[in-house]
Amino acid sequence: MDLKDQLKNLFPDHEPEDTPDEKEPKSKIWLQEEPIICKYEKRKGNPITILEGYTGADEDFKKLAKELKTKLSVGGSFKDDKIIIQGDYRDKIMTLLKDKGFNVKRVGG
């Protein structure tokens, strides 16, 4: 006897709800036609990666920043419509964004 049968015996009047099999994507971030620019700079001797050129809502860009920081396990911030990631992670960021469906352009170096 599996769990479903046991629950049916305990609650005979309960009718289970039909759950859709299709899973919705976790993040519904607006995709744009223009590429996001991914560039590398050094500030005070430390490397940083900057993402700019997103034309959607700021909230979506903040969600994207948080997701990138957690996946890469690095620090960073969101300022002036730019995502600033500590370290040189251009290649990893570009592959993550391409997997999400974004167009990405590498600038500098």
C-alpha atoms as a PDB file:
ATOM      1  CA  MET A   1       0.000   0.000   0.000  1.00  0.00           C
ATOM      2  CA  ASP A   2       1.528   3.289  -1.068  1.00  0.00           C
ATOM      3  CA  LEU A   3       1.104   6.707   0.494  1.00  0.00           C
ATOM      4  CA  LYS A   4      -1.743   7.693  -1.819  1.00  0.00           C
ATOM      5  CA  ASP A   5      -3.832   4.707  -0.725  1.00  0.00           C
ATOM      6  CA  GLN A   6      -3.093   5.361   2.933  1.00  0.00           C
ATOM      7  CA  LEU A   7      -4.217   8.958   2.607  1.00  0.00           C
ATOM      8  CA  LYS A   8      -7.360   7.816   0.792  1.00  0.00           C
ATOM      9  CA  ASN A   9      -8.183   5.523   3.716  1.00  0.00           C
ATOM     10  CA  LEU A  10      -7.636   8.322   6.227  1.00  0.00           C
ATOM     11  CA  PHE A  11      -9.593  10.949   4.279  1.00  0.00           C
ATOM     12  CA  PRO A  12     -12.222   9.191   2.144  1.00  0.00           C
ATOM     13  CA  ASP A  13     -14.155  12.396   1.300  1.00  0.00           C
ATOM     14  CA  HIS A  14     -11.128  14.302   0.004  1.00  0.00           C
ATOM     15  CA  GLU A  15     -10.767  14.658  -3.747  1.00  0.00           C
ATOM     16  CA  PRO A  16      -7.203  15.463  -4.890  1.00  0.00           C
ATOM     17  CA  GLU A  17      -6.657  18.461  -7.123  1.00  0.00           C
ATOM     18  CA  ASP A  18      -5.238  17.991 -10.582  1.00  0.00           C
ATOM     19  CA  THR A  19      -1.794  19.557 -10.750  1.00  0.00           C
ATOM     20  CA  PRO A  20      -0.464  20.617 -14.129  1.00  0.00           C
ATOM     21  CA  ASP A  21       2.549  18.641 -15.294  1.00  0.00           C
ATOM     22  CA  GLU A  22       4.070  21.619 -17.079  1.00  0.00           C
ATOM     23  CA  LYS A  23       6.529  23.517 -14.955  1.00  0.00           C
ATOM     24  CA  GLU A  24       6.703  27.260 -15.458  1.00  0.00           C
ATOM     25  CA  PRO A  25      10.151  28.821 -15.660  1.00  0.00           C
ATOM     26  CA  LYS A  26      11.434  30.091 -12.332  1.00  0.00           C
ATOM     27  CA  SER A  27      12.293  33.538 -13.544  1.00  0.00           C
ATOM     28  CA  LYS A  28      10.207  35.462 -16.041  1.00  0.00           C
ATOM     29  CA  ILE A  29      12.800  38.022 -17.074  1.00  0.00           C
ATOM     30  CA  TRP A  30      12.103  40.140 -20.135  1.00  0.00           C
ATOM     31  CA  LEU A  31      14.448  39.238 -22.996  1.00  0.00           C
ATOM     32  CA  GLN A  32      15.614  42.020 -25.266  1.00  0.00           C
ATOM     33  CA  GLU A  33      16.816  42.305 -28.834  1.00  0.00           C
ATOM     34  CA  GLU A  34      19.911  44.403 -28.106  1.00  0.00           C
ATOM     35  CA  PRO A  35      22.884  42.530 -26.621  1.00  0.00           C
ATOM     36  CA  ILE A  36      23.925  42.997 -23.008  1.00  0.00           C
ATOM     37  CA  ILE A  37      27.470  44.363 -22.884  1.00  0.00           C
ATOM     38  CA  CYS A  38      29.876  42.386 -20.704  1.00  0.00           C
ATOM     39  CA  LYS A  39      33.130  44.217 -20.041  1.00  0.00           C
ATOM     40  CA  TYR A  40      36.161  43.909 -17.793  1.00  0.00           C
ATOM     41  CA  GLU A  41      37.803  46.668 -15.775  1.00  0.00           C
ATOM     42  CA  LYS A  42      40.289  47.047 -12.972  1.00  0.00           C
ATOM     43  CA  ARG A  43      39.404  49.344 -10.117  1.00  0.00           C
ATOM     44  CA  LYS A  44      42.001  49.980  -7.436  1.00  0.00           C
ATOM     45  CA  GLY A  45      43.949  47.011  -8.771  1.00  0.00           C
ATOM     46  CA  ASN A  46      41.063  44.559  -8.422  1.00  0.00           C
ATOM     47  CA  PRO A  47      39.340  43.010 -11.460  1.00  0.00           C
ATOM     48  CA  ILE A  48      35.591  43.505 -11.913  1.00  0.00           C
ATOM     49  CA  THR A  49      33.075  42.451 -14.543  1.00  0.00           C
ATOM     50  CA  ILE A  50      30.427  44.973 -15.589  1.00  0.00           C
ATOM     51  CA  LEU A  51      27.127  44.154 -17.316  1.00  0.00           C
ATOM     52  CA  GLU A  52      25.197  47.010 -18.882  1.00  0.00           C
ATOM     53  CA  GLY A  53      22.716  47.714 -21.645  1.00  0.00           C
ATOM     54  CA  TYR A  54      19.606  45.999 -20.255  1.00  0.00           C
ATOM     55  CA  THR A  55      16.484  47.875 -21.341  1.00  0.00           C
ATOM     56  CA  GLY A  56      13.889  46.048 -19.231  1.00  0.00           C
ATOM     57  CA  ALA A  57      12.608  46.845 -15.752  1.00  0.00           C
ATOM     58  CA  ASP A  58      15.080  47.509 -12.954  1.00  0.00           C
ATOM     59  CA  GLU A  59      13.477  44.770 -10.845  1.00  0.00           C
ATOM     60  CA  ASP A  60      14.239  42.168 -13.526  1.00  0.00           C
ATOM     61  CA  PHE A  61      17.833  43.361 -13.758  1.00  0.00           C
ATOM     62  CA  LYS A  62      18.175  43.157  -9.955  1.00  0.00           C
ATOM     63  CA  LYS A  63      16.831  39.587 -10.023  1.00  0.00           C
ATOM     64  CA  LEU A  64      19.340  38.732 -12.740  1.00  0.00           C
ATOM     65  CA  ALA A  65      22.160  40.288 -10.673  1.00  0.00           C
ATOM     66  CA  LYS A  66      21.207  38.284  -7.610  1.00  0.00           C
ATOM     67  CA  GLU A  67      20.960  35.073  -9.599  1.00  0.00           C
ATOM     68  CA  LEU A  68      24.380  35.605 -11.194  1.00  0.00           C
ATOM     69  CA  LYS A  69      25.995  36.387  -7.837  1.00  0.00           C
ATOM     70  CA  THR A  70      24.562  33.263  -6.204  1.00  0.00           C
ATOM     71  CA  LYS A  71      25.498  30.971  -9.099  1.00  0.00           C
ATOM     72  CA  LEU A  72      29.052  32.297  -9.214  1.00  0.00           C
ATOM     73  CA  SER A  73      29.345  32.585  -5.410  1.00  0.00           C
ATOM     74  CA  VAL A  74      30.837  36.063  -5.640  1.00  0.00           C
ATOM     75  CA  GLY A  75      30.027  39.541  -4.411  1.00  0.00           C
ATOM     76  CA  GLY A  76      28.732  42.376  -6.466  1.00  0.00           C
ATOM     77  CA  SER A  77      26.243  45.191  -6.670  1.00  0.00           C
ATOM     78  CA  PHE A  78      23.621  46.857  -8.837  1.00  0.00           C
ATOM     79  CA  LYS A  79      24.237  50.574  -9.450  1.00  0.00           C
ATOM     80  CA  ASP A  80      23.260  53.043 -12.175  1.00  0.00           C
ATOM     81  CA  ASP A  81      21.627  50.362 -14.379  1.00  0.00           C
ATOM     82  CA  LYS A  82      24.816  48.273 -14.241  1.00  0.00           C
ATOM     83  CA  ILE A  83      25.623  44.963 -12.590  1.00  0.00           C
ATOM     84  CA  ILE A  84      29.091  44.973 -11.060  1.00  0.00           C
ATOM     85  CA  ILE A  85      30.530  41.530 -10.245  1.00  0.00           C
ATOM     86  CA  GLN A  86      33.770  41.175  -8.272  1.00  0.00           C
ATOM     87  CA  GLY A  87      36.358  39.265 -10.307  1.00  0.00           C
ATOM     88  CA  ASP A  88      36.859  38.375 -13.967  1.00  0.00           C
ATOM     89  CA  TYR A  89      33.944  36.048 -14.737  1.00  0.00           C
ATOM     90  CA  ARG A  90      33.158  37.164 -18.284  1.00  0.00           C
ATOM     91  CA  ASP A  91      33.190  33.685 -19.811  1.00  0.00           C
ATOM     92  CA  LYS A  92      31.010  32.116 -17.119  1.00  0.00           C
ATOM     93  CA  ILE A  93      28.570  35.032 -17.115  1.00  0.00           C
ATOM     94  CA  MET A  94      28.284  34.965 -20.887  1.00  0.00           C
ATOM     95  CA  THR A  95      27.486  31.242 -20.931  1.00  0.00           C
ATOM     96  CA  LEU A  96      24.901  31.657 -18.135  1.00  0.00           C
ATOM     97  CA  LEU A  97      23.199  34.526 -19.967  1.00  0.00           C
ATOM     98  CA  LYS A  98      23.229  32.694 -23.298  1.00  0.00           C
ATOM     99  CA  ASP A  99      21.600  29.682 -21.627  1.00  0.00           C
ATOM    100  CA  LYS A 100      18.842  32.026 -20.412  1.00  0.00           C
ATOM    101  CA  GLY A 101      18.312  33.328 -23.964  1.00  0.00           C
ATOM    102  CA  PHE A 102      20.059  36.705 -23.800  1.00  0.00           C
ATOM    103  CA  ASN A 103      22.297  38.140 -26.515  1.00  0.00           C
ATOM    104  CA  VAL A 104      25.660  39.001 -24.955  1.00  0.00           C
ATOM    105  CA  LYS A 105      28.498  41.048 -26.424  1.00  0.00           C
ATOM    106  CA  ARG A 106      32.009  40.882 -24.998  1.00  0.00           C
ATOM    107  CA  VAL A 107      33.822  44.215 -24.842  1.00  0.00           C
ATOM    108  CA  GLY A 108      37.495  44.720 -24.043  1.00  0.00           C
ATOM    109  CA  GLY A 109      40.208  42.107 -23.716  1.00  0.00           C
END
